[in-house]
Amino acid sequence: MRRVAVYLFAVVVGCALGVGSALAMAGLLPGASTMAFGDLNVEGWHSDFAIGSKAADPYTRARVARHGLLALAKSEAVYFTTSTDTNGRALREDCTYRINTGRALPAQWWSVTLYTADSLLPLNNDKALSINATSVEPEPSGRWEGLISPTPPANAENWISSRNAGNFNLTLRLYVPSESLLMAPGDTLAPPAVHPVNCRGKPG
């Protein structure tokens, strides 16, 4: 009986650890962050280049399914996400941010979309949850600028609405990325910088 009890205990502990680690790796535990994966970090924007490749393990596939990424092949699209501003603080609804990039993004087309911490689109009818290569008018250098805020600015061009978003994150999608980005993302990508402007009327 003692041996049976030991075996049963080992089985229960093994199952608990296995299920717990699987849920954690897949981002399915309560309060788990969408940012808790991917060892690629380019200026605060995170990615896992296993997404969309044959190297994706079951944990990665589960996270993709859980968080709704459209996991195209890497040659077709790569994804970067951030949940912090340039000061390392969490992005939140009651702050206004200026988002810009210093040069063209290394892809044929791109978009930046805002999601809640639960990987959902915030519930508002502003129709301004994303900006992309078609909606902005970059300078000859490829530089462009936008604004993230809960209320529309006087000039609502290149505006991303954070109304009802709470703490949020941004997803950068790069479609048909350059070969250099796939080979050396850290050296190639200059991702958008998210600068805090103010929070509830106070400096960010």
Foldseek 3Di string as FASTA:
>chain_A
DVVVVVVVVVVVVVVVVVVVVLCQLLQNDVPRFLQPDAPDAALQWGFHLCQQPPNDDPSNVSNCVQLVDPRHHVQFKTKIKHQAANVRDGAFAQFKKKKKFDAAFQAPKKKKFKAARSNHHFPDDPPAGMDMPVQFDADPRRMTMAMEHQDADPDNRRYHHCNRRGGIMMMMMGGSGDPCCVVPVNVRGGGMHIGIQAGNPHGD
